[in-house]
């Protein structure tokens, strides 16, 4: 179990968005200039997201990776729900970042939805 008292979670949507934007920027930096495709590319994205969460929440990456199966299963459902033309690393990174927080029990489903909704262009 993760000790929630030893970490600071963002209290406002803007703070969450800054963290997510940082993760997205890090993903694109990692993928720039690499010939990674498919599984290797996705593993690189997962690693960057885990690095950001580990740093921001002071959690061991192994603890984060224990939840990878659950997160990937949820990601598959998310990707099926959006048109292929709308799929990209930005959305995938944001989903992974938030979903890992949920499965690590750092945030609940309602909080997760509020964060996701705050990212909508009309929010």
Protein backbone atom coordinates (compact mmCIF):
# COMPACT_ATOMS: atom_id res chain seq x y z
CA UNK A 1 0.00 0.00 0.00
CA UNK A 2 1.21 3.47 -0.81
CA UNK A 3 1.52 5.91 2.07
CA UNK A 4 -0.65 8.80 0.89
CA UNK A 5 0.34 10.96 3.84
CA UNK A 6 3.97 11.14 2.68
CA UNK A 7 3.11 12.72 -0.67
CA UNK A 8 1.45 15.82 -1.98
CA UNK A 9 -1.25 15.30 -4.58
CA UNK A 10 -2.29 18.28 -6.66
CA UNK A 11 -5.37 19.95 -5.24
CA UNK A 12 -6.38 21.87 -8.35
CA UNK A 13 -7.01 20.82 -11.93
CA UNK A 14 -4.35 23.25 -13.16
CA UNK A 15 -1.73 21.52 -11.02
CA UNK A 16 -2.75 18.12 -12.41
CA UNK A 17 -2.59 19.52 -15.93
CA UNK A 18 0.93 20.85 -15.35
CA UNK A 19 2.05 17.42 -14.17
CA UNK A 20 0.38 15.71 -17.12
CA UNK A 21 1.85 18.24 -19.59
CA UNK A 22 5.30 17.58 -18.13
CA UNK A 23 4.81 13.83 -18.61
CA UNK A 24 3.63 14.42 -22.20
CA UNK A 25 6.65 16.65 -22.91
CA UNK A 26 8.95 13.99 -21.45
CA UNK A 27 7.31 11.30 -23.62
CA UNK A 28 7.84 13.32 -26.80
CA UNK A 29 11.42 14.10 -25.80
CA UNK A 30 12.08 10.40 -25.20
CA UNK A 31 10.54 9.38 -28.52
CA UNK A 32 12.25 12.10 -30.58
CA UNK A 33 14.98 10.79 -32.78
CA UNK A 34 14.41 7.17 -31.82
CA UNK A 35 13.53 4.48 -34.27
CA UNK A 36 11.35 2.74 -31.72
CA UNK A 37 8.09 1.41 -33.03
CA UNK A 38 5.26 -0.68 -31.68
CA UNK A 39 5.97 -2.45 -28.41
CA UNK A 40 9.34 -0.74 -27.82
CA UNK A 41 7.76 2.67 -28.30
CA UNK A 42 4.90 1.86 -25.94
CA UNK A 43 7.33 0.49 -23.32
CA UNK A 44 9.30 3.74 -23.54
CA UNK A 45 6.09 5.71 -22.94
CA UNK A 46 5.18 3.51 -19.96
CA UNK A 47 8.66 4.00 -18.53
CA UNK A 48 8.47 7.80 -18.85
CA UNK A 49 5.03 7.88 -17.21
CA UNK A 50 6.28 5.65 -14.38
CA UNK A 51 9.36 7.87 -13.93
CA UNK A 52 7.18 10.96 -13.60
CA UNK A 53 4.81 9.32 -11.11
CA UNK A 54 7.70 7.88 -9.09
CA UNK A 55 9.34 11.29 -8.90
CA UNK A 56 6.16 13.26 -8.15
CA UNK A 57 4.78 10.81 -5.58
CA UNK A 58 7.98 9.37 -4.13
CA UNK A 59 6.91 5.83 -5.05
CA UNK A 60 9.17 3.00 -6.19
CA UNK A 61 8.79 2.27 -9.89
CA UNK A 62 8.38 -1.43 -9.12
CA UNK A 63 5.21 -0.58 -7.19
CA UNK A 64 3.92 1.33 -10.20
CA UNK A 65 4.80 -1.45 -12.64
CA UNK A 66 2.89 -3.97 -10.51
CA UNK A 67 -0.27 -2.24 -11.76
CA UNK A 68 0.69 -2.20 -15.44
CA UNK A 69 -1.59 -5.07 -16.46
CA UNK A 70 -4.65 -3.40 -14.96
CA UNK A 71 -3.76 -0.07 -16.56
CA UNK A 72 -3.12 -1.58 -20.00
CA UNK A 73 -6.46 -3.39 -19.85
CA UNK A 74 -8.19 -0.07 -19.12
CA UNK A 75 -6.19 1.63 -21.88
CA UNK A 76 -7.46 -0.93 -24.39
CA UNK A 77 -11.03 0.00 -23.47
CA UNK A 78 -10.22 3.70 -23.72
CA UNK A 79 -8.66 3.31 -27.16
CA UNK A 80 -11.66 1.36 -28.43
CA UNK A 81 -13.92 4.20 -27.32
CA UNK A 82 -12.25 6.92 -29.41
CA UNK A 83 -11.81 7.21 -33.18
CA UNK A 84 -8.45 6.08 -34.50
CA UNK A 85 -7.83 9.57 -35.88
CA UNK A 86 -7.97 10.96 -32.32
CA UNK A 87 -5.47 8.51 -30.85
CA UNK A 88 -2.06 9.94 -30.08
CA UNK A 89 0.68 9.93 -27.48
CA UNK A 90 -0.71 13.00 -25.71
CA UNK A 91 -4.03 11.33 -24.89
CA UNK A 92 -2.43 7.99 -24.14
CA UNK A 93 0.11 9.58 -21.80
CA UNK A 94 -2.58 11.56 -19.96
CA UNK A 95 -4.74 8.46 -19.61
CA UNK A 96 -1.83 6.36 -18.31
CA UNK A 97 -0.74 9.05 -15.86
CA UNK A 98 -4.19 9.42 -14.35
CA UNK A 99 -5.12 5.73 -14.47
CA UNK A 100 -1.93 4.71 -12.65
CA UNK A 101 -2.89 7.14 -9.88
CA UNK A 102 -6.30 5.51 -9.65
CA UNK A 103 -5.10 1.89 -9.57
CA UNK A 104 -2.45 2.83 -7.01
CA UNK A 105 -5.38 4.11 -4.94
CA UNK A 106 -3.98 7.63 -4.81
CA UNK A 107 -7.17 9.03 -6.31
CA UNK A 108 -10.67 7.60 -6.63
CA UNK A 109 -12.73 7.21 -9.79
CA UNK A 110 -14.58 10.48 -9.25
CA UNK A 111 -11.33 12.40 -8.90
CA UNK A 112 -10.01 10.68 -12.01
CA UNK A 113 -13.06 11.73 -13.99
CA UNK A 114 -12.78 15.32 -12.75
CA UNK A 115 -9.16 15.45 -13.92
CA UNK A 116 -10.04 13.99 -17.31
CA UNK A 117 -12.99 16.35 -17.76
CA UNK A 118 -10.81 19.34 -16.90
CA UNK A 119 -8.69 18.50 -19.95
CA UNK A 120 -11.59 18.83 -22.36
CA UNK A 121 -11.32 21.89 -24.62
CA UNK A 122 -14.62 23.33 -23.40
CA UNK A 123 -13.94 22.77 -19.69
